Amino acid sequence: MDPATAEDHLRLVRSLGCRSVHIGGGEPLLRPDNLGEILEVAGRVGVSIEYVGTNSSWFKDLESAKRILVGYPSLIPENFI
């Protein structure tokens, strides 16, 4: 999902009283730049992200995983790896 569409949907769910969602479906971490933009949009519209579901199909090795995960300020790779 592109960030503009995500913003439309997040604004809608927020207007209906939803304060948090989770992100899943497909594999969000195959496009980490896109996911980062969507996380920023969620923060702007006041919707918390409970968690991001992953099947880890993007995982190749420990170092590449750290490079992807460190791009998200709310995640600290050392806590997960």
C-alpha atoms as a PDB file:
ATOM      1  CA  MET A   1       0.000   0.000   0.000  1.00  0.00           C
ATOM      2  CA  ASP A   2       1.350   3.410  -0.843  1.00  0.00           C
ATOM      3  CA  PRO A   3       1.608   6.048   1.914  1.00  0.00           C
ATOM      4  CA  ALA A   4      -1.198   8.235   0.499  1.00  0.00           C
ATOM      5  CA  THR A   5      -3.656   5.329   0.516  1.00  0.00           C
ATOM      6  CA  ALA A   6      -2.495   4.344   3.990  1.00  0.00           C
ATOM      7  CA  GLU A   7      -3.130   7.884   5.182  1.00  0.00           C
ATOM      8  CA  ASP A   8      -6.681   7.819   3.807  1.00  0.00           C
ATOM      9  CA  HIS A   9      -7.404   4.516   5.556  1.00  0.00           C
ATOM     10  CA  LEU A  10      -5.732   5.532   8.810  1.00  0.00           C
ATOM     11  CA  ARG A  11      -7.669   8.803   8.915  1.00  0.00           C
ATOM     12  CA  LEU A  12     -10.880   6.852   8.350  1.00  0.00           C
ATOM     13  CA  VAL A  13     -10.242   4.324  11.128  1.00  0.00           C
ATOM     14  CA  ARG A  14      -9.178   7.131  13.463  1.00  0.00           C
ATOM     15  CA  SER A  15     -12.409   9.015  12.741  1.00  0.00           C
ATOM     16  CA  LEU A  16     -14.300   5.857  13.711  1.00  0.00           C
ATOM     17  CA  GLY A  17     -12.569   5.795  17.111  1.00  0.00           C
ATOM     18  CA  CYS A  18      -9.779   3.327  16.402  1.00  0.00           C
ATOM     19  CA  ARG A  19      -6.558   4.334  18.143  1.00  0.00           C
ATOM     20  CA  SER A  20      -4.263   1.470  17.116  1.00  0.00           C
ATOM     21  CA  VAL A  21      -3.795  -1.061  14.319  1.00  0.00           C
ATOM     22  CA  HIS A  22      -1.335  -3.708  13.262  1.00  0.00           C
ATOM     23  CA  ILE A  23       0.358  -3.922   9.883  1.00  0.00           C
ATOM     24  CA  GLY A  24       0.517  -7.245   8.083  1.00  0.00           C
ATOM     25  CA  GLY A  25      -0.579  -8.946   4.929  1.00  0.00           C
ATOM     26  CA  GLY A  26       1.877  -9.639   2.201  1.00  0.00           C
ATOM     27  CA  GLU A  27       5.273  -8.855   3.691  1.00  0.00           C
ATOM     28  CA  PRO A  28       5.689  -5.270   4.964  1.00  0.00           C
ATOM     29  CA  LEU A  29       9.458  -5.561   5.380  1.00  0.00           C
ATOM     30  CA  LEU A  30      10.079  -6.301   1.701  1.00  0.00           C
ATOM     31  CA  ARG A  31       9.725  -2.531   1.214  1.00  0.00           C
ATOM     32  CA  PRO A  32      11.260  -1.049   4.366  1.00  0.00           C
ATOM     33  CA  ASP A  33      11.302   2.491   2.941  1.00  0.00           C
ATOM     34  CA  ASN A  34       7.583   2.326   2.211  1.00  0.00           C
ATOM     35  CA  LEU A  35       6.858   0.890   5.654  1.00  0.00           C
ATOM     36  CA  GLY A  36       8.820   3.714   7.255  1.00  0.00           C
ATOM     37  CA  GLU A  37       6.669   6.283   5.454  1.00  0.00           C
ATOM     38  CA  ILE A  38       3.484   4.522   6.553  1.00  0.00           C
ATOM     39  CA  LEU A  39       4.671   4.452  10.180  1.00  0.00           C
ATOM     40  CA  GLU A  40       5.291   8.203   9.969  1.00  0.00           C
ATOM     41  CA  VAL A  41       1.813   8.762   8.510  1.00  0.00           C
ATOM     42  CA  ALA A  42       0.241   6.744  11.318  1.00  0.00           C
ATOM     43  CA  GLY A  43       1.991   8.928  13.884  1.00  0.00           C
ATOM     44  CA  ARG A  44       0.800  12.104  12.189  1.00  0.00           C
ATOM     45  CA  VAL A  45      -2.847  11.022  12.151  1.00  0.00           C
ATOM     46  CA  GLY A  46      -2.780   9.711  15.726  1.00  0.00           C
ATOM     47  CA  VAL A  47      -2.971   5.967  15.153  1.00  0.00           C
ATOM     48  CA  SER A  48      -0.529   3.770  17.060  1.00  0.00           C
ATOM     49  CA  ILE A  49       0.956   0.706  15.408  1.00  0.00           C
ATOM     50  CA  GLU A  50       0.603  -2.230  17.806  1.00  0.00           C
ATOM     51  CA  TYR A  51       2.930  -4.456  15.794  1.00  0.00           C
ATOM     52  CA  VAL A  52       4.164  -5.231  12.298  1.00  0.00           C
ATOM     53  CA  GLY A  53       3.594  -8.843  11.313  1.00  0.00           C
ATOM     54  CA  THR A  54       6.295 -10.523   9.269  1.00  0.00           C
ATOM     55  CA  ASN A  55       6.923 -13.983   7.894  1.00  0.00           C
ATOM     56  CA  SER A  56      10.634 -13.103   7.690  1.00  0.00           C
ATOM     57  CA  SER A  57      10.877 -13.880   3.985  1.00  0.00           C
ATOM     58  CA  TRP A  58      13.117 -10.782   3.711  1.00  0.00           C
ATOM     59  CA  PHE A  59      15.653 -12.259   6.165  1.00  0.00           C
ATOM     60  CA  LYS A  60      18.922 -13.259   4.522  1.00  0.00           C
ATOM     61  CA  ASP A  61      21.452 -13.030   7.351  1.00  0.00           C
ATOM     62  CA  LEU A  62      21.936 -11.347  10.712  1.00  0.00           C
ATOM     63  CA  GLU A  63      23.807  -8.307   9.395  1.00  0.00           C
ATOM     64  CA  SER A  64      21.286  -7.492   6.669  1.00  0.00           C
ATOM     65  CA  ALA A  65      18.443  -7.909   9.178  1.00  0.00           C
ATOM     66  CA  LYS A  66      20.120  -5.435  11.529  1.00  0.00           C
ATOM     67  CA  ARG A  67      20.512  -2.940   8.668  1.00  0.00           C
ATOM     68  CA  ILE A  68      16.793  -3.154   7.879  1.00  0.00           C
ATOM     69  CA  LEU A  69      15.556  -3.053  11.475  1.00  0.00           C
ATOM     70  CA  VAL A  70      17.823  -0.229  12.621  1.00  0.00           C
ATOM     71  CA  GLY A  71      15.971   2.025  10.166  1.00  0.00           C
ATOM     72  CA  TYR A  72      12.992   2.090  12.512  1.00  0.00           C
ATOM     73  CA  PRO A  73      13.576   4.357  15.527  1.00  0.00           C
ATOM     74  CA  SER A  74      11.053   2.449  17.640  1.00  0.00           C
ATOM     75  CA  LEU A  75      12.955  -0.813  17.201  1.00  0.00           C
ATOM     76  CA  ILE A  76      16.282  -1.594  18.804  1.00  0.00           C
ATOM     77  CA  PRO A  77      17.783  -4.591  17.002  1.00  0.00           C
ATOM     78  CA  GLU A  78      19.879  -5.636  19.975  1.00  0.00           C
ATOM     79  CA  ASN A  79      16.632  -6.359  21.846  1.00  0.00           C
ATOM     80  CA  PHE A  80      15.483  -8.799  19.193  1.00  0.00           C
ATOM     81  CA  ILE A  81      18.655 -10.394  17.818  1.00  0.00           C
END
